[in-house]
């Protein structure tokens, strides 16, 4: 009696298992879409100043979706736009001329890449990187933005005030 119960239980289990295997639909693996950032990270938002003796003060006003630059006596405003990093930005006349004044941002390691829309078409070493760092100002550590525009080795420190920007420029350029 016990043997017939065990055999019937095994038959039921194998029959149901086979039926489930036939009924279960197969799923195909798809690559996860990796998008650029939708907004500029909060740590970079605000008005940031940079000073150089020859040009005076430059600034960047950064909001969640816009970046307004005053750099070397020229103004520009760019608006955040999101895209699929796996697909990239196509090399078209519209994207090269950038009539919408779009920009993009994404995280790469500990830095953020934020630049004009047309800069994505260039090799990655030509894109501006932004990172938060600290400097000593009046005996205290303060957060500043370190902006490296290209692979040229130059970088700019943006501070939260004009006085701090001038003070830090004098320290860095002694």
N, C-alpha and C. Protein backbone atom coordinates (compact mmCIF):
# COMPACT_ATOMS: atom_id res chain seq x y z
N UNK A 1 0.81 -1.18 0.00
CA UNK A 1 0.00 0.00 0.00
C UNK A 1 0.87 1.25 0.00
N UNK A 2 1.92 1.21 0.81
CA UNK A 2 2.80 2.36 0.89
C UNK A 2 3.53 2.58 -0.43
N UNK A 3 3.91 1.52 -1.08
CA UNK A 3 4.65 1.64 -2.35
C UNK A 3 3.77 2.28 -3.40
N UNK A 4 2.51 1.94 -3.46
CA UNK A 4 1.62 2.52 -4.48
C UNK A 4 1.42 4.02 -4.22
N UNK A 5 1.35 4.43 -2.95
CA UNK A 5 1.20 5.85 -2.62
C UNK A 5 2.45 6.62 -3.04
N UNK A 6 3.64 6.07 -2.79
CA UNK A 6 4.89 6.73 -3.14
C UNK A 6 5.01 6.84 -4.66
N UNK A 7 4.69 5.77 -5.37
CA UNK A 7 4.78 5.77 -6.84
C UNK A 7 3.80 6.77 -7.42
N UNK A 8 2.58 6.82 -6.88
CA UNK A 8 1.59 7.76 -7.40
C UNK A 8 1.99 9.20 -7.10
N UNK A 9 2.60 9.44 -5.95
CA UNK A 9 3.06 10.79 -5.61
C UNK A 9 4.18 11.24 -6.55
N UNK A 10 5.08 10.32 -6.90
CA UNK A 10 6.17 10.63 -7.83
C UNK A 10 5.61 10.91 -9.22
N UNK A 11 4.62 10.12 -9.64
CA UNK A 11 3.99 10.34 -10.95
C UNK A 11 3.30 11.70 -11.02
N UNK A 12 2.59 12.05 -9.95
CA UNK A 12 1.89 13.34 -9.92
C UNK A 12 2.92 14.47 -9.97
N UNK A 13 3.98 14.38 -9.21
CA UNK A 13 5.01 15.43 -9.16
C UNK A 13 5.69 15.62 -10.51
N UNK A 14 6.05 14.52 -11.17
CA UNK A 14 6.72 14.64 -12.46
C UNK A 14 5.76 15.14 -13.53
N UNK A 15 4.50 14.76 -13.45
CA UNK A 15 3.51 15.21 -14.44
C UNK A 15 3.28 16.71 -14.30
N UNK A 16 3.09 17.20 -13.07
CA UNK A 16 2.89 18.63 -12.84
C UNK A 16 4.14 19.43 -13.18
N UNK A 17 5.28 18.92 -12.83
CA UNK A 17 6.54 19.61 -13.15
C UNK A 17 6.73 19.75 -14.64
N UNK A 18 6.43 18.71 -15.40
CA UNK A 18 6.53 18.76 -16.86
C UNK A 18 5.52 19.72 -17.45
N UNK A 19 4.31 19.74 -16.89
CA UNK A 19 3.27 20.64 -17.39
C UNK A 19 3.66 22.09 -17.12
N UNK A 20 4.23 22.39 -15.97
CA UNK A 20 4.65 23.74 -15.65
C UNK A 20 5.78 24.19 -16.57
N UNK A 21 6.66 23.27 -16.89
CA UNK A 21 7.77 23.61 -17.78
C UNK A 21 7.26 23.96 -19.17
N UNK A 22 6.21 23.31 -19.62
CA UNK A 22 5.64 23.57 -20.94
C UNK A 22 4.86 24.87 -20.94
N UNK A 23 4.11 25.17 -19.86
CA UNK A 23 3.25 26.34 -19.80
C UNK A 23 4.04 27.62 -19.55
N UNK A 24 5.14 27.56 -18.83
CA UNK A 24 5.89 28.76 -18.46
C UNK A 24 6.51 29.40 -19.70
N UNK A 25 6.21 30.70 -19.96
CA UNK A 25 6.79 31.36 -21.12
C UNK A 25 8.26 31.68 -20.89
N UNK A 26 9.01 31.67 -21.96
CA UNK A 26 10.43 31.99 -21.82
C UNK A 26 10.61 33.50 -21.85
N UNK A 27 11.53 34.01 -21.05
CA UNK A 27 11.82 35.44 -21.03
C UNK A 27 13.19 35.67 -21.62
N UNK A 28 13.29 36.70 -22.44
CA UNK A 28 14.58 37.02 -23.03
C UNK A 28 15.23 38.13 -22.23
N UNK A 29 16.51 38.05 -22.06
CA UNK A 29 17.24 39.07 -21.32
C UNK A 29 17.45 40.29 -22.20
N UNK A 30 17.14 41.46 -21.67
CA UNK A 30 17.35 42.70 -22.40
C UNK A 30 18.32 43.57 -21.63
N UNK A 31 19.12 44.33 -22.36
CA UNK A 31 20.07 45.22 -21.71
C UNK A 31 19.30 46.32 -20.98
N UNK A 32 19.74 46.63 -19.78
CA UNK A 32 19.09 47.67 -19.00
C UNK A 32 19.42 49.03 -19.62
N UNK A 33 18.42 49.86 -19.77
CA UNK A 33 18.62 51.18 -20.33
C UNK A 33 19.32 52.05 -19.30
N UNK A 34 20.43 52.64 -19.69
CA UNK A 34 21.17 53.53 -18.80
C UNK A 34 21.02 54.94 -19.35
N UNK A 35 20.32 55.76 -18.60
CA UNK A 35 20.01 57.11 -19.06
C UNK A 35 20.96 58.13 -18.41
N UNK A 36 21.13 59.24 -19.10
CA UNK A 36 21.86 60.35 -18.51
C UNK A 36 20.98 60.94 -17.41
N UNK A 37 21.52 61.83 -16.62
CA UNK A 37 20.77 62.40 -15.50
C UNK A 37 19.66 63.31 -16.00
N UNK A 38 18.57 63.32 -15.26
CA UNK A 38 17.43 64.16 -15.62
C UNK A 38 17.61 65.58 -15.08
N UNK A 39 18.27 65.69 -13.93
CA UNK A 39 18.53 67.00 -13.33
C UNK A 39 19.98 67.06 -12.87
N UNK A 40 20.45 68.27 -12.66
CA UNK A 40 21.80 68.48 -12.14
C UNK A 40 21.78 68.13 -10.65
N UNK A 41 22.78 67.38 -10.15
CA UNK A 41 22.79 67.00 -8.73
C UNK A 41 22.74 68.23 -7.80
N UNK A 42 22.07 68.07 -6.67
CA UNK A 42 21.85 69.17 -5.72
C UNK A 42 23.15 69.80 -5.22
N UNK A 43 24.20 69.00 -5.09
CA UNK A 43 25.44 69.53 -4.54
C UNK A 43 26.07 70.61 -5.42
N UNK A 44 25.71 70.65 -6.70
CA UNK A 44 26.27 71.63 -7.62
C UNK A 44 25.37 72.86 -7.81
N UNK A 45 24.17 72.83 -7.29
CA UNK A 45 23.23 73.92 -7.51
C UNK A 45 23.61 75.15 -6.70
N UNK A 46 23.31 76.31 -7.27
CA UNK A 46 23.62 77.58 -6.61
C UNK A 46 24.45 78.45 -7.55
N UNK A 47 24.95 79.56 -7.02
CA UNK A 47 25.81 80.45 -7.79
C UNK A 47 27.24 80.24 -7.32
N UNK A 48 28.14 79.99 -8.25
CA UNK A 48 29.53 79.68 -7.95
C UNK A 48 30.42 80.65 -8.71
N UNK A 49 31.47 81.15 -8.04
CA UNK A 49 32.34 82.18 -8.61
C UNK A 49 33.76 81.67 -8.79
N UNK A 50 34.38 82.17 -9.85
CA UNK A 50 35.79 81.89 -10.14
C UNK A 50 36.45 83.24 -10.43
N UNK A 51 37.67 83.43 -9.97
CA UNK A 51 38.37 84.69 -10.18
C UNK A 51 39.70 84.46 -10.88
N UNK A 52 39.99 85.32 -11.83
CA UNK A 52 41.31 85.39 -12.46
C UNK A 52 41.67 86.85 -12.61
N UNK A 53 42.91 87.16 -12.34
CA UNK A 53 43.35 88.56 -12.35
C UNK A 53 43.09 89.22 -13.71
N UNK A 54 43.35 88.51 -14.80
CA UNK A 54 43.22 89.09 -16.14
C UNK A 54 41.76 89.32 -16.54
N UNK A 55 40.85 88.40 -16.17
CA UNK A 55 39.46 88.46 -16.62
C UNK A 55 38.48 88.91 -15.55
N UNK A 56 38.88 88.96 -14.32
CA UNK A 56 37.95 89.28 -13.25
C UNK A 56 37.16 88.06 -12.83
N UNK A 57 35.89 88.29 -12.48
CA UNK A 57 35.05 87.22 -11.96
C UNK A 57 34.28 86.52 -13.08
N UNK A 58 34.27 85.21 -13.04
CA UNK A 58 33.39 84.39 -13.85
C UNK A 58 32.43 83.71 -12.88
N UNK A 59 31.28 83.34 -13.35
CA UNK A 59 30.35 82.63 -12.46
C UNK A 59 29.54 81.60 -13.23
N UNK A 60 28.97 80.69 -12.46
CA UNK A 60 28.04 79.70 -12.98
C UNK A 60 26.83 79.68 -12.05
N UNK A 61 25.67 79.94 -12.62
CA UNK A 61 24.41 79.82 -11.87
C UNK A 61 23.80 78.50 -12.29
N UNK A 62 23.72 77.58 -11.35
CA UNK A 62 23.28 76.23 -11.66
C UNK A 62 21.97 75.94 -10.92
N UNK A 63 20.95 75.58 -11.67
CA UNK A 63 19.67 75.16 -11.08
C UNK A 63 19.48 73.67 -11.39
N UNK A 64 18.32 73.16 -11.12
CA UNK A 64 18.06 71.73 -11.35
C UNK A 64 18.14 71.38 -12.83
N UNK A 65 17.73 72.31 -13.70
CA UNK A 65 17.68 71.99 -15.13
C UNK A 65 18.43 72.96 -16.03
N UNK A 66 19.04 74.02 -15.48
CA UNK A 66 19.75 75.00 -16.30
C UNK A 66 21.11 75.33 -15.71
N UNK A 67 22.03 75.67 -16.61
CA UNK A 67 23.34 76.15 -16.19
C UNK A 67 23.64 77.42 -16.99
N UNK A 68 23.76 78.53 -16.26
CA UNK A 68 24.08 79.80 -16.89
C UNK A 68 25.54 80.11 -16.59
N UNK A 69 26.33 80.29 -17.64
CA UNK A 69 27.77 80.56 -17.52
C UNK A 69 28.07 82.01 -17.88
N UNK A 70 28.94 82.61 -17.13
CA UNK A 70 29.59 83.86 -17.54
C UNK A 70 31.08 83.55 -17.44
N UNK A 71 31.68 83.24 -18.58
CA UNK A 71 33.08 82.80 -18.60
C UNK A 71 33.83 83.60 -19.65
N UNK A 72 34.93 84.19 -19.25
CA UNK A 72 35.76 85.03 -20.12
C UNK A 72 34.91 86.07 -20.86
N UNK A 73 34.07 86.75 -20.08
CA UNK A 73 33.23 87.84 -20.57
C UNK A 73 32.17 87.41 -21.59
N UNK A 74 31.81 86.13 -21.62
CA UNK A 74 30.77 85.62 -22.52
C UNK A 74 29.70 84.91 -21.70
N UNK A 75 28.45 85.11 -22.08
CA UNK A 75 27.33 84.46 -21.40
C UNK A 75 26.78 83.32 -22.24
N UNK A 76 26.37 82.27 -21.58
CA UNK A 76 25.67 81.18 -22.26
C UNK A 76 24.76 80.49 -21.25
N UNK A 77 23.64 80.00 -21.75
CA UNK A 77 22.69 79.26 -20.92
C UNK A 77 22.38 77.96 -21.62
N UNK A 78 22.45 76.87 -20.86
CA UNK A 78 22.15 75.54 -21.41
C UNK A 78 21.10 74.87 -20.53
N UNK A 79 20.25 74.07 -21.17
CA UNK A 79 19.16 73.38 -20.48
C UNK A 79 19.41 71.88 -20.50
N UNK A 80 19.18 71.23 -19.36
CA UNK A 80 19.39 69.78 -19.26
C UNK A 80 18.45 69.03 -20.19
N UNK A 81 18.99 67.97 -20.78
CA UNK A 81 18.21 67.10 -21.64
C UNK A 81 18.71 65.68 -21.42
N UNK A 82 17.81 64.74 -21.33
CA UNK A 82 18.16 63.35 -21.02
C UNK A 82 18.21 62.50 -22.28
N UNK A 83 19.13 61.53 -22.30
CA UNK A 83 19.21 60.60 -23.44
C UNK A 83 19.73 59.26 -22.96
N UNK A 84 19.61 58.25 -23.80
CA UNK A 84 20.05 56.89 -23.51
C UNK A 84 21.56 56.81 -23.74
N UNK A 85 22.32 56.54 -22.69
CA UNK A 85 23.78 56.48 -22.80
C UNK A 85 24.25 55.32 -23.68
N UNK A 86 23.46 54.25 -23.75
CA UNK A 86 23.84 53.12 -24.60
C UNK A 86 23.77 53.50 -26.08
N UNK A 87 22.80 54.33 -26.44
CA UNK A 87 22.64 54.74 -27.84
C UNK A 87 23.48 55.96 -28.18
N UNK A 88 23.72 56.84 -27.21
CA UNK A 88 24.51 58.04 -27.46
C UNK A 88 23.70 59.10 -28.18
N UNK A 89 24.41 60.08 -28.69
CA UNK A 89 23.80 61.17 -29.45
C UNK A 89 24.30 61.05 -30.87
N UNK A 90 23.39 61.09 -31.81
CA UNK A 90 23.79 60.92 -33.21
C UNK A 90 24.51 62.16 -33.73
N UNK A 91 25.46 61.93 -34.59
CA UNK A 91 26.26 63.00 -35.18
C UNK A 91 25.49 63.60 -36.36
N UNK A 92 24.58 64.49 -36.05
CA UNK A 92 23.79 65.15 -37.09
C UNK A 92 24.06 66.65 -37.05
N UNK A 93 23.67 67.35 -38.11
CA UNK A 93 23.90 68.80 -38.16
C UNK A 93 23.19 69.49 -37.00
N UNK A 94 21.98 69.04 -36.67
CA UNK A 94 21.23 69.65 -35.57
C UNK A 94 21.97 69.49 -34.26
N UNK A 95 22.50 68.31 -33.99
CA UNK A 95 23.19 68.09 -32.74
C UNK A 95 24.52 68.83 -32.68
N UNK A 96 25.21 68.96 -33.79
CA UNK A 96 26.50 69.67 -33.79
C UNK A 96 26.28 71.17 -33.57
N UNK A 97 25.27 71.73 -34.22
CA UNK A 97 25.00 73.16 -34.06
C UNK A 97 24.32 73.47 -32.73
N UNK A 98 23.65 72.50 -32.13
CA UNK A 98 23.01 72.62 -30.82
C UNK A 98 22.09 73.85 -30.73
N UNK A 99 21.10 73.98 -31.62
CA UNK A 99 20.25 75.16 -31.59
C UNK A 99 19.37 75.26 -30.34
N UNK A 100 19.13 74.13 -29.68
CA UNK A 100 18.28 74.13 -28.49
C UNK A 100 19.05 74.55 -27.24
N UNK A 101 20.36 74.66 -27.35
CA UNK A 101 21.23 74.98 -26.21
C UNK A 101 21.05 73.95 -25.09
N UNK A 102 21.03 72.67 -25.49
CA UNK A 102 20.90 71.58 -24.54
C UNK A 102 22.24 71.24 -23.92
N UNK A 103 22.17 70.57 -22.79
CA UNK A 103 23.35 70.02 -22.15
C UNK A 103 22.99 68.64 -21.61
N UNK A 104 24.01 67.89 -21.23
CA UNK A 104 23.78 66.55 -20.66
C UNK A 104 24.62 66.43 -19.40
N UNK A 105 24.30 65.42 -18.60
CA UNK A 105 25.08 65.13 -17.40
C UNK A 105 24.96 63.64 -17.09
N UNK A 106 26.06 63.05 -16.65
CA UNK A 106 26.05 61.68 -16.17
C UNK A 106 27.20 61.49 -15.20
N UNK A 107 27.09 60.47 -14.38
CA UNK A 107 28.13 60.21 -13.38
C UNK A 107 29.14 59.23 -13.94
N UNK A 108 30.41 59.53 -13.70
CA UNK A 108 31.50 58.66 -14.13
C UNK A 108 32.48 58.54 -12.97
N UNK A 109 32.40 57.44 -12.23
CA UNK A 109 33.23 57.28 -11.04
C UNK A 109 32.78 58.26 -9.96
N UNK A 110 33.70 59.06 -9.43
CA UNK A 110 33.36 60.04 -8.40
C UNK A 110 33.07 61.41 -8.99
N UNK A 111 33.18 61.54 -10.31
CA UNK A 111 32.98 62.83 -10.97
C UNK A 111 31.70 62.82 -11.79
N UNK A 112 31.24 64.01 -12.09
CA UNK A 112 30.09 64.17 -12.96
C UNK A 112 30.56 64.82 -14.25
N UNK A 113 30.10 64.29 -15.35
CA UNK A 113 30.39 64.86 -16.66
C UNK A 113 29.19 65.73 -17.02
N UNK A 114 29.41 67.03 -17.20
CA UNK A 114 28.34 67.95 -17.57
C UNK A 114 28.88 68.86 -18.66
N UNK A 115 28.23 68.85 -19.80
CA UNK A 115 28.74 69.65 -20.92
C UNK A 115 27.63 69.93 -21.92
N UNK A 116 27.98 70.73 -22.91
CA UNK A 116 27.06 71.07 -23.98
C UNK A 116 26.72 69.82 -24.79
N UNK A 117 25.53 69.81 -25.37
CA UNK A 117 25.02 68.66 -26.12
C UNK A 117 26.00 68.20 -27.19
N UNK A 118 26.57 69.13 -27.92
CA UNK A 118 27.47 68.77 -29.02
C UNK A 118 28.79 68.19 -28.54
N UNK A 119 29.16 68.38 -27.28
CA UNK A 119 30.41 67.82 -26.76
C UNK A 119 30.35 66.31 -26.63
N UNK A 120 29.14 65.71 -26.60
CA UNK A 120 29.03 64.26 -26.46
C UNK A 120 29.51 63.55 -27.72
N UNK A 121 29.46 64.23 -28.84
CA UNK A 121 29.90 63.63 -30.10
C UNK A 121 31.42 63.48 -30.12
N UNK A 122 32.12 64.37 -29.39
CA UNK A 122 33.58 64.32 -29.31
C UNK A 122 34.02 63.17 -28.41
N UNK A 123 35.29 62.76 -28.47
CA UNK A 123 35.78 61.73 -27.53
C UNK A 123 35.61 62.19 -26.08
N UNK A 124 35.47 61.24 -25.17
CA UNK A 124 35.13 61.54 -23.78
C UNK A 124 36.15 62.43 -23.07
N UNK A 125 37.41 62.43 -23.47
CA UNK A 125 38.39 63.26 -22.78
C UNK A 125 38.17 64.75 -23.02
N UNK A 126 37.30 65.11 -23.98
CA UNK A 126 37.02 66.51 -24.27
C UNK A 126 35.76 67.02 -23.59
N UNK A 127 35.22 66.28 -22.64
CA UNK A 127 34.02 66.69 -21.93
C UNK A 127 34.39 67.25 -20.56
N UNK A 128 33.65 68.25 -20.11
CA UNK A 128 33.92 68.90 -18.82
C UNK A 128 33.53 67.99 -17.66
N UNK A 129 34.41 67.89 -16.68
CA UNK A 129 34.11 67.12 -15.48
C UNK A 129 33.94 68.07 -14.30
N UNK A 130 33.04 67.71 -13.42
CA UNK A 130 32.78 68.49 -12.21
C UNK A 130 32.90 67.56 -11.02
N UNK A 131 33.52 68.06 -9.96
CA UNK A 131 33.57 67.30 -8.72
C UNK A 131 33.60 68.27 -7.56
N UNK A 132 33.10 67.82 -6.42
CA UNK A 132 33.15 68.63 -5.21
C UNK A 132 34.45 68.31 -4.50
N UNK A 133 35.10 69.35 -4.03
CA UNK A 133 36.33 69.19 -3.26
C UNK A 133 36.31 70.23 -2.15
N UNK A 134 37.33 70.25 -1.32
CA UNK A 134 37.37 71.22 -0.22
C UNK A 134 38.64 72.05 -0.32
N UNK A 135 38.55 73.26 0.18
CA UNK A 135 39.69 74.18 0.29
C UNK A 135 39.61 74.82 1.68
N UNK A 136 40.75 75.25 2.18
CA UNK A 136 40.78 75.96 3.45
C UNK A 136 40.56 77.45 3.21
N UNK A 137 39.62 78.02 3.93
CA UNK A 137 39.32 79.45 3.83
C UNK A 137 39.07 79.98 5.23
N UNK A 138 39.94 80.87 5.68
CA UNK A 138 39.87 81.46 7.02
C UNK A 138 39.83 80.38 8.10
N UNK A 139 40.67 79.38 7.95
CA UNK A 139 40.80 78.32 8.94
C UNK A 139 39.73 77.25 8.90
N UNK A 140 38.82 77.31 7.96
CA UNK A 140 37.75 76.31 7.86
C UNK A 140 37.80 75.65 6.49
N UNK A 141 37.36 74.38 6.46
CA UNK A 141 37.25 73.68 5.18
C UNK A 141 35.90 74.04 4.56
N UNK A 142 35.94 74.46 3.32
CA UNK A 142 34.71 74.81 2.61
C UNK A 142 34.62 73.98 1.34
N UNK A 143 33.39 73.70 0.93
CA UNK A 143 33.17 72.94 -0.31
C UNK A 143 33.24 73.88 -1.50
N UNK A 144 33.96 73.44 -2.51
CA UNK A 144 34.07 74.18 -3.76
C UNK A 144 33.92 73.20 -4.92
N UNK A 145 33.65 73.73 -6.10
CA UNK A 145 33.54 72.91 -7.30
C UNK A 145 34.86 72.96 -8.05
N UNK A 146 35.35 71.80 -8.45
CA UNK A 146 36.52 71.73 -9.31
C UNK A 146 36.02 71.35 -10.70
N UNK A 147 36.21 72.25 -11.64
CA UNK A 147 35.77 72.03 -13.02
C UNK A 147 36.99 71.84 -13.90
N UNK A 148 37.06 70.72 -14.58
CA UNK A 148 38.13 70.45 -15.54
C UNK A 148 37.49 70.44 -16.92
N UNK A 149 37.66 71.54 -17.70
CA UNK A 149 36.97 71.63 -18.98
C UNK A 149 37.34 70.56 -20.00
N UNK A 150 38.60 70.26 -20.16
CA UNK A 150 39.00 69.27 -21.17
C UNK A 150 40.18 68.48 -20.63
N UNK A 151 40.76 67.68 -21.48
CA UNK A 151 41.92 66.86 -21.12
C UNK A 151 43.22 67.67 -21.13
N UNK A 152 43.11 69.00 -21.17
CA UNK A 152 44.30 69.84 -21.29
C UNK A 152 45.09 69.96 -20.00
N UNK A 153 44.53 69.53 -18.89
CA UNK A 153 45.22 69.63 -17.62
C UNK A 153 44.86 70.89 -16.84
N UNK A 154 44.11 71.80 -17.45
CA UNK A 154 43.68 72.99 -16.72
C UNK A 154 42.44 72.66 -15.90
N UNK A 155 42.24 73.40 -14.82
CA UNK A 155 41.06 73.23 -14.00
C UNK A 155 40.74 74.55 -13.34
N UNK A 156 39.49 74.70 -12.95
CA UNK A 156 39.02 75.92 -12.33
C UNK A 156 38.31 75.58 -11.03
N UNK A 157 38.55 76.41 -10.02
CA UNK A 157 37.86 76.26 -8.74
C UNK A 157 36.76 77.30 -8.67
N UNK A 158 35.53 76.83 -8.44
CA UNK A 158 34.39 77.73 -8.27
C UNK A 158 33.97 77.72 -6.81
N UNK A 159 33.87 78.91 -6.22
CA UNK A 159 33.56 79.07 -4.80
C UNK A 159 32.17 79.68 -4.62
N UNK A 160 31.59 79.51 -3.43
CA UNK A 160 30.24 80.05 -3.23
C UNK A 160 30.18 81.57 -3.04
N UNK A 161 31.33 82.27 -2.93
CA UNK A 161 31.30 83.73 -2.81
C UNK A 161 32.45 84.35 -3.60
N UNK A 162 32.30 85.62 -3.96
CA UNK A 162 33.33 86.32 -4.72
C UNK A 162 34.60 86.49 -3.89
N UNK A 163 34.44 86.85 -2.62
CA UNK A 163 35.61 87.06 -1.76
C UNK A 163 36.43 85.77 -1.64
N UNK A 164 35.73 84.66 -1.47
CA UNK A 164 36.41 83.38 -1.36
C UNK A 164 37.11 83.02 -2.67
N UNK A 165 36.46 83.30 -3.79
CA UNK A 165 37.05 83.00 -5.10
C UNK A 165 38.36 83.76 -5.29
N UNK A 166 38.37 85.03 -4.94
CA UNK A 166 39.59 85.84 -5.09
C UNK A 166 40.67 85.35 -4.13
N UNK A 167 40.30 85.04 -2.91
CA UNK A 167 41.26 84.54 -1.92
C UNK A 167 41.88 83.22 -2.37
N UNK A 168 41.06 82.29 -2.84
CA UNK A 168 41.57 80.99 -3.27
C UNK A 168 42.42 81.12 -4.53
N UNK A 169 42.08 82.04 -5.43
CA UNK A 169 42.89 82.25 -6.63
C UNK A 169 44.27 82.75 -6.22
N UNK A 170 44.32 83.66 -5.26
CA UNK A 170 45.62 84.17 -4.79
C UNK A 170 46.45 83.06 -4.16
N UNK A 171 45.81 82.14 -3.43
CA UNK A 171 46.55 81.02 -2.82
C UNK A 171 47.07 80.06 -3.88
N UNK A 172 46.24 79.74 -4.87
CA UNK A 172 46.62 78.77 -5.91
C UNK A 172 47.65 79.32 -6.88
N UNK A 173 47.78 80.63 -6.97
CA UNK A 173 48.65 81.23 -7.98
C UNK A 173 49.82 82.00 -7.38
N UNK A 174 50.31 81.59 -6.23
CA UNK A 174 51.49 82.24 -5.63
C UNK A 174 52.75 81.72 -6.25
